[in-house]
């Protein structure tokens, strides 16, 4: 036979309530003892009856030791929760400040671009003008520096080219490309014989030309 589910509400009958308390109390203390033995856990149970009578169970020698341990851990847990809340609040505060700074920077950027100037006073406009002048000076200095570096690079390249040109010119003077002493003997004889002849051939030949000297 299936046991019906008991509705969780206060038992109105005092006698039934007392019997139920006695049964449930003993069962609860028994389960606590079993839990401490089976799982090697530190368990403490404190029960006060409706009449104020104390019932307790502790797996250690002294209930007070378990209570002190509970207080320390509960305090630490509360402290951790407090620290977490403070940390979240700090992050929220920093996030809001960062958002405000970003908005201020965006507004300043728009004013530097010449926008949203209607609400600016003469002092603010003068400050914007001063900032623009400083920015222009920085840009000019950077531009001049880049030009100077480019000129130095070109001068160095020019120096290297001049050195290379001088080296090549020196090599050409020391080793001419064509010297008579280096010509083959037959070519020298041929040039000599041709230089002695005063006649010029005007005949038309078909085929491979032949070298002939008269």
C-alpha atoms as a PDB file:
ATOM      1  CA  UNK A   1       0.000   0.000   0.000  1.00  0.00           C
ATOM      2  CA  UNK A   2       1.401   3.348  -1.052  1.00  0.00           C
ATOM      3  CA  UNK A   3       1.835   5.891   1.705  1.00  0.00           C
ATOM      4  CA  UNK A   4       0.208   9.204   0.943  1.00  0.00           C
ATOM      5  CA  UNK A   5       2.213  12.409   0.767  1.00  0.00           C
ATOM      6  CA  UNK A   6       1.997  14.445   3.972  1.00  0.00           C
ATOM      7  CA  UNK A   7       1.145  18.083   3.488  1.00  0.00           C
ATOM      8  CA  UNK A   8       3.788  20.347   5.037  1.00  0.00           C
ATOM      9  CA  UNK A   9       1.876  22.544   7.440  1.00  0.00           C
ATOM     10  CA  UNK A  10       1.603  23.003  11.197  1.00  0.00           C
ATOM     11  CA  UNK A  11      -0.115  20.182  13.028  1.00  0.00           C
ATOM     12  CA  UNK A  12      -2.983  21.746  14.930  1.00  0.00           C
ATOM     13  CA  UNK A  13      -3.505  18.879  17.392  1.00  0.00           C
ATOM     14  CA  UNK A  14      -1.061  19.335  20.277  1.00  0.00           C
ATOM     15  CA  UNK A  15      -0.801  15.639  21.097  1.00  0.00           C
ATOM     16  CA  UNK A  16      -0.166  14.642  17.474  1.00  0.00           C
ATOM     17  CA  UNK A  17       2.294  17.483  17.143  1.00  0.00           C
ATOM     18  CA  UNK A  18       4.248  16.230  20.177  1.00  0.00           C
ATOM     19  CA  UNK A  19       4.370  12.650  18.867  1.00  0.00           C
ATOM     20  CA  UNK A  20       5.491  13.799  15.418  1.00  0.00           C
ATOM     21  CA  UNK A  21       8.189  15.988  16.916  1.00  0.00           C
ATOM     22  CA  UNK A  22       9.554  13.105  18.969  1.00  0.00           C
ATOM     23  CA  UNK A  23       9.668  10.757  15.964  1.00  0.00           C
ATOM     24  CA  UNK A  24      11.127  13.283  13.533  1.00  0.00           C
ATOM     25  CA  UNK A  25      13.667  14.485  16.091  1.00  0.00           C
ATOM     26  CA  UNK A  26      15.022  11.030  16.688  1.00  0.00           C
ATOM     27  CA  UNK A  27      15.130  10.343  12.959  1.00  0.00           C
ATOM     28  CA  UNK A  28      16.965  13.606  12.288  1.00  0.00           C
ATOM     29  CA  UNK A  29      19.585  12.920  14.983  1.00  0.00           C
ATOM     30  CA  UNK A  30      20.027   9.379  13.655  1.00  0.00           C
ATOM     31  CA  UNK A  31      20.573  10.616  10.104  1.00  0.00           C
ATOM     32  CA  UNK A  32      23.112  13.179  11.341  1.00  0.00           C
ATOM     33  CA  UNK A  33      25.045  10.451  13.176  1.00  0.00           C
ATOM     34  CA  UNK A  34      25.014   8.200  10.108  1.00  0.00           C
ATOM     35  CA  UNK A  35      26.174  11.037   7.865  1.00  0.00           C
ATOM     36  CA  UNK A  36      29.120  11.827  10.125  1.00  0.00           C
ATOM     37  CA  UNK A  37      30.185   8.150  10.211  1.00  0.00           C
ATOM     38  CA  UNK A  38      29.681   7.280   6.532  1.00  0.00           C
ATOM     39  CA  UNK A  39      31.186  10.464   5.083  1.00  0.00           C
ATOM     40  CA  UNK A  40      33.647  11.392   7.855  1.00  0.00           C
ATOM     41  CA  UNK A  41      31.947  14.789   8.049  1.00  0.00           C
ATOM     42  CA  UNK A  42      31.779  17.168  10.958  1.00  0.00           C
ATOM     43  CA  UNK A  43      28.083  17.436  11.791  1.00  0.00           C
ATOM     44  CA  UNK A  44      26.266  19.344  14.497  1.00  0.00           C
ATOM     45  CA  UNK A  45      22.514  19.512  15.062  1.00  0.00           C
ATOM     46  CA  UNK A  46      20.732  21.766  17.551  1.00  0.00           C
ATOM     47  CA  UNK A  47      17.005  21.420  18.152  1.00  0.00           C
ATOM     48  CA  UNK A  48      14.752  23.353  20.509  1.00  0.00           C
ATOM     49  CA  UNK A  49      11.299  21.978  21.169  1.00  0.00           C
ATOM     50  CA  UNK A  50       8.212  24.127  21.387  1.00  0.00           C
ATOM     51  CA  UNK A  51       8.660  24.148  25.139  1.00  0.00           C
ATOM     52  CA  UNK A  52      12.272  25.317  24.830  1.00  0.00           C
ATOM     53  CA  UNK A  53      13.922  21.987  25.585  1.00  0.00           C
ATOM     54  CA  UNK A  54      17.324  21.494  23.938  1.00  0.00           C
ATOM     55  CA  UNK A  55      18.291  18.450  21.876  1.00  0.00           C
ATOM     56  CA  UNK A  56      21.667  18.278  20.177  1.00  0.00           C
ATOM     57  CA  UNK A  57      24.149  16.084  18.411  1.00  0.00           C
ATOM     58  CA  UNK A  58      27.792  16.762  17.549  1.00  0.00           C
ATOM     59  CA  UNK A  59      30.206  14.454  15.757  1.00  0.00           C
ATOM     60  CA  UNK A  60      33.129  16.070  17.597  1.00  0.00           C
ATOM     61  CA  UNK A  61      33.850  15.948  21.292  1.00  0.00           C
ATOM     62  CA  UNK A  62      32.600  19.494  21.840  1.00  0.00           C
ATOM     63  CA  UNK A  63      29.669  21.211  20.178  1.00  0.00           C
ATOM     64  CA  UNK A  64      31.353  24.562  20.863  1.00  0.00           C
ATOM     65  CA  UNK A  65      34.240  23.720  18.500  1.00  0.00           C
ATOM     66  CA  UNK A  66      31.848  23.159  15.617  1.00  0.00           C
ATOM     67  CA  UNK A  67      29.971  26.367  16.438  1.00  0.00           C
ATOM     68  CA  UNK A  68      33.208  28.396  16.454  1.00  0.00           C
ATOM     69  CA  UNK A  69      34.219  26.859  13.151  1.00  0.00           C
ATOM     70  CA  UNK A  70      30.837  27.797  11.728  1.00  0.00           C
ATOM     71  CA  UNK A  71      31.169  31.387  12.926  1.00  0.00           C
ATOM     72  CA  UNK A  72      34.630  31.772  11.355  1.00  0.00           C
ATOM     73  CA  UNK A  73      33.508  30.370   8.011  1.00  0.00           C
ATOM     74  CA  UNK A  74      30.269  32.332   8.049  1.00  0.00           C
ATOM     75  CA  UNK A  75      32.178  35.531   8.802  1.00  0.00           C
ATOM     76  CA  UNK A  76      34.681  34.791   6.039  1.00  0.00           C
ATOM     77  CA  UNK A  77      31.872  34.112   3.578  1.00  0.00           C
ATOM     78  CA  UNK A  78      30.184  37.369   4.554  1.00  0.00           C
ATOM     79  CA  UNK A  79      33.490  39.200   4.168  1.00  0.00           C
ATOM     80  CA  UNK A  80      33.976  37.641   0.724  1.00  0.00           C
ATOM     81  CA  UNK A  81      30.508  38.761  -0.324  1.00  0.00           C
ATOM     82  CA  UNK A  82      31.213  42.269   0.910  1.00  0.00           C
ATOM     83  CA  UNK A  83      34.515  42.360  -0.989  1.00  0.00           C
ATOM     84  CA  UNK A  84      32.799  41.129  -4.140  1.00  0.00           C
ATOM     85  CA  UNK A  85      30.120  43.793  -3.882  1.00  0.00           C
ATOM     86  CA  UNK A  86      32.752  46.483  -3.310  1.00  0.00           C
ATOM     87  CA  UNK A  87      34.727  45.236  -6.313  1.00  0.00           C
ATOM     88  CA  UNK A  88      31.616  45.318  -8.510  1.00  0.00           C
ATOM     89  CA  UNK A  89      30.811  48.819  -7.291  1.00  0.00           C
ATOM     90  CA  UNK A  90      34.376  49.914  -8.059  1.00  0.00           C
ATOM     91  CA  UNK A  91      34.159  48.507 -11.597  1.00  0.00           C
ATOM     92  CA  UNK A  92      30.809  50.221 -12.114  1.00  0.00           C
ATOM     93  CA  UNK A  93      32.257  53.527 -10.917  1.00  0.00           C
ATOM     94  CA  UNK A  94      35.323  53.201 -13.169  1.00  0.00           C
ATOM     95  CA  UNK A  95      33.129  52.296 -16.128  1.00  0.00           C
ATOM     96  CA  UNK A  96      30.956  55.370 -15.631  1.00  0.00           C
ATOM     97  CA  UNK A  97      34.023  57.616 -15.308  1.00  0.00           C
ATOM     98  CA  UNK A  98      35.533  56.112 -18.449  1.00  0.00           C
ATOM     99  CA  UNK A  99      32.314  56.726 -20.377  1.00  0.00           C
ATOM    100  CA  UNK A 100      32.302  60.373 -19.221  1.00  0.00           C
ATOM    101  CA  UNK A 101      35.952  60.840 -20.241  1.00  0.00           C
ATOM    102  CA  UNK A 102      35.264  59.356 -23.671  1.00  0.00           C
ATOM    103  CA  UNK A 103      32.330  61.726 -24.161  1.00  0.00           C
ATOM    104  CA  UNK A 104      34.489  64.704 -23.140  1.00  0.00           C
ATOM    105  CA  UNK A 105      37.219  63.650 -25.581  1.00  0.00           C
ATOM    106  CA  UNK A 106      34.676  63.251 -28.401  1.00  0.00           C
ATOM    107  CA  UNK A 107      33.239  66.686 -27.660  1.00  0.00           C
ATOM    108  CA  UNK A 108      36.727  68.239 -27.633  1.00  0.00           C
ATOM    109  CA  UNK A 109      37.526  66.513 -30.922  1.00  0.00           C
ATOM    110  CA  UNK A 110      34.381  67.913 -32.539  1.00  0.00           C
ATOM    111  CA  UNK A 111      35.309  71.408 -31.371  1.00  0.00           C
ATOM    112  CA  UNK A 112      38.835  71.036 -32.745  1.00  0.00           C
ATOM    113  CA  UNK A 113      37.256  70.088 -36.080  1.00  0.00           C
ATOM    114  CA  UNK A 114      35.253  73.334 -35.983  1.00  0.00           C
ATOM    115  CA  UNK A 115      31.934  71.770 -34.975  1.00  0.00           C
ATOM    116  CA  UNK A 116      29.537  72.501 -32.084  1.00  0.00           C
ATOM    117  CA  UNK A 117      31.163  75.883 -31.376  1.00  0.00           C
ATOM    118  CA  UNK A 118      27.932  77.746 -30.646  1.00  0.00           C
ATOM    119  CA  UNK A 119      28.032  76.922 -26.951  1.00  0.00           C
ATOM    120  CA  UNK A 120      31.717  77.910 -26.548  1.00  0.00           C
ATOM    121  CA  UNK A 121      32.681  81.076 -24.743  1.00  0.00           C
ATOM    122  CA  UNK A 122      35.441  83.402 -25.902  1.00  0.00           C
ATOM    123  CA  UNK A 123      37.860  81.833 -23.420  1.00  0.00           C
ATOM    124  CA  UNK A 124      37.080  78.344 -24.738  1.00  0.00           C
ATOM    125  CA  UNK A 125      37.534  79.487 -28.325  1.00  0.00           C
ATOM    126  CA  UNK A 126      40.865  81.048 -27.410  1.00  0.00           C
ATOM    127  CA  UNK A 127      41.965  77.794 -25.763  1.00  0.00           C
ATOM    128  CA  UNK A 128      40.919  75.811 -28.858  1.00  0.00           C
ATOM    129  CA  UNK A 129      42.896  78.220 -31.035  1.00  0.00           C
ATOM    130  CA  UNK A 130      45.943  77.769 -28.825  1.00  0.00           C
ATOM    131  CA  UNK A 131      45.682  73.989 -29.006  1.00  0.00           C
ATOM    132  CA  UNK A 132      45.400  74.109 -32.794  1.00  0.00           C
ATOM    133  CA  UNK A 133      48.480  76.316 -33.005  1.00  0.00           C
ATOM    134  CA  UNK A 134      50.439  73.868 -30.860  1.00  0.00           C
ATOM    135  CA  UNK A 135      49.274  71.004 -33.067  1.00  0.00           C
ATOM    136  CA  UNK A 136      50.326  72.859 -36.225  1.00  0.00           C
ATOM    137  CA  UNK A 137      53.763  73.566 -34.771  1.00  0.00           C
ATOM    138  CA  UNK A 138      54.198  69.907 -33.922  1.00  0.00           C
ATOM    139  CA  UNK A 139      53.138  68.921 -37.440  1.00  0.00           C
ATOM    140  CA  UNK A 140      55.597  71.387 -38.996  1.00  0.00           C
ATOM    141  CA  UNK A 141      58.439  70.130 -36.809  1.00  0.00           C
ATOM    142  CA  UNK A 142      57.707  66.539 -37.761  1.00  0.00           C
ATOM    143  CA  UNK A 143      57.463  67.492 -41.424  1.00  0.00           C
ATOM    144  CA  UNK A 144      60.815  69.315 -41.312  1.00  0.00           C
ATOM    145  CA  UNK A 145      62.399  66.325 -39.596  1.00  0.00           C
ATOM    146  CA  UNK A 146      61.159  63.966 -42.309  1.00  0.00           C
ATOM    147  CA  UNK A 147      62.452  66.274 -45.057  1.00  0.00           C
ATOM    148  CA  UNK A 148      65.834  66.480 -43.342  1.00  0.00           C
ATOM    149  CA  UNK A 149      66.046  62.694 -43.108  1.00  0.00           C
ATOM    150  CA  UNK A 150      65.127  62.327 -46.784  1.00  0.00           C
ATOM    151  CA  UNK A 151      67.773  64.883 -47.809  1.00  0.00           C
ATOM    152  CA  UNK A 152      70.420  63.055 -45.777  1.00  0.00           C
ATOM    153  CA  UNK A 153      69.461  59.760 -47.402  1.00  0.00           C
ATOM    154  CA  UNK A 154      69.683  61.295 -50.895  1.00  0.00           C
ATOM    155  CA  UNK A 155      73.061  62.849 -50.095  1.00  0.00           C
ATOM    156  CA  UNK A 156      74.358  59.512 -48.889  1.00  0.00           C
ATOM    157  CA  UNK A 157      73.089  57.836 -52.059  1.00  0.00           C
ATOM    158  CA  UNK A 158      74.766  60.548 -54.162  1.00  0.00           C
ATOM    159  CA  UNK A 159      78.061  59.994 -52.332  1.00  0.00           C
ATOM    160  CA  UNK A 160      77.902  56.254 -52.965  1.00  0.00           C
ATOM    161  CA  UNK A 161      77.155  56.803 -56.659  1.00  0.00           C
ATOM    162  CA  UNK A 162      80.093  59.202 -57.020  1.00  0.00           C
ATOM    163  CA  UNK A 163      82.433  56.714 -55.378  1.00  0.00           C
ATOM    164  CA  UNK A 164      81.187  53.942 -57.668  1.00  0.00           C
ATOM    165  CA  UNK A 165      81.611  56.213 -60.715  1.00  0.00           C
ATOM    166  CA  UNK A 166      85.174  57.090 -59.702  1.00  0.00           C
ATOM    167  CA  UNK A 167      86.023  53.431 -59.204  1.00  0.00           C
ATOM    168  CA  UNK A 168      84.681  52.471 -62.618  1.00  0.00           C
ATOM    169  CA  UNK A 169      86.483  55.363 -64.287  1.00  0.00           C
ATOM    170  CA  UNK A 170      89.759  54.271 -62.681  1.00  0.00           C
ATOM    171  CA  UNK A 171      89.260  50.729 -63.934  1.00  0.00           C
ATOM    172  CA  UNK A 172      88.600  51.958 -67.485  1.00  0.00           C
ATOM    173  CA  UNK A 173      91.800  54.069 -67.495  1.00  0.00           C
ATOM    174  CA  UNK A 174      93.943  51.181 -66.273  1.00  0.00           C
ATOM    175  CA  UNK A 175      92.479  48.574 -68.685  1.00  0.00           C
ATOM    176  CA  UNK A 176      91.499  50.002 -72.136  1.00  0.00           C
ATOM    177  CA  UNK A 177      89.056  47.990 -74.118  1.00  0.00           C
ATOM    178  CA  UNK A 178      91.075  47.686 -77.391  1.00  0.00           C
ATOM    179  CA  UNK A 179      94.871  47.634 -77.870  1.00  0.00           C
ATOM    180  CA  UNK A 180      96.796  46.973 -81.101  1.00  0.00           C
ATOM    181  CA  UNK A 181      99.230  44.658 -79.397  1.00  0.00           C
ATOM    182  CA  UNK A 182      96.406  42.343 -78.505  1.00  0.00           C
ATOM    183  CA  UNK A 183      95.138  41.901 -82.063  1.00  0.00           C
ATOM    184  CA  UNK A 184      95.858  38.578 -83.788  1.00  0.00           C
ATOM    185  CA  UNK A 185      98.814  38.540 -86.189  1.00  0.00           C
ATOM    186  CA  UNK A 186      96.620  37.789 -89.225  1.00  0.00           C
ATOM    187  CA  UNK A 187      94.381  40.766 -88.470  1.00  0.00           C
ATOM    188  CA  UNK A 188      97.429  43.020 -88.157  1.00  0.00           C
ATOM    189  CA  UNK A 189      98.773  41.786 -91.499  1.00  0.00           C
ATOM    190  CA  UNK A 190      95.390  42.253 -93.086  1.00  0.00           C
ATOM    191  CA  UNK A 191      95.077  45.826 -91.850  1.00  0.00           C
ATOM    192  CA  UNK A 192      98.599  46.607 -92.998  1.00  0.00           C
ATOM    193  CA  UNK A 193      97.995  45.280 -96.510  1.00  0.00           C
ATOM    194  CA  UNK A 194      94.706  47.102 -96.780  1.00  0.00           C
ATOM    195  CA  UNK A 195      96.283  50.363 -95.720  1.00  0.00           C
ATOM    196  CA  UNK A 196      98.855  50.077 -98.577  1.00  0.00           C
ATOM    197  CA  UNK A 197      96.175  49.643-101.240  1.00  0.00           C
ATOM    198  CA  UNK A 198      94.676  52.806-102.693  1.00  0.00           C
ATOM    199  CA  UNK A 199      92.068  51.126-104.877  1.00  0.00           C
ATOM    200  CA  UNK A 200      88.542  50.591-103.656  1.00  0.00           C
ATOM    201  CA  UNK A 201      86.467  47.686-104.918  1.00  0.00           C
ATOM    202  CA  UNK A 202      83.123  48.694-106.352  1.00  0.00           C
ATOM    203  CA  UNK A 203      82.078  45.335-107.732  1.00  0.00           C
ATOM    204  CA  UNK A 204      78.804  43.787-106.575  1.00  0.00           C
ATOM    205  CA  UNK A 205      79.132  40.274-105.190  1.00  0.00           C
ATOM    206  CA  UNK A 206      76.319  37.867-104.436  1.00  0.00           C
ATOM    207  CA  UNK A 207      76.946  35.536-101.566  1.00  0.00           C
ATOM    208  CA  UNK A 208      79.114  35.617 -98.501  1.00  0.00           C
ATOM    209  CA  UNK A 209      81.509  38.586 -98.686  1.00  0.00           C
ATOM    210  CA  UNK A 210      85.196  37.733 -98.848  1.00  0.00           C
ATOM    211  CA  UNK A 211      88.040  39.805 -97.579  1.00  0.00           C
ATOM    212  CA  UNK A 212      90.450  40.595-100.345  1.00  0.00           C
ATOM    213  CA  UNK A 213      93.164  43.124-100.562  1.00  0.00           C
ATOM    214  CA  UNK A 214      94.706  44.139-103.893  1.00  0.00           C
END
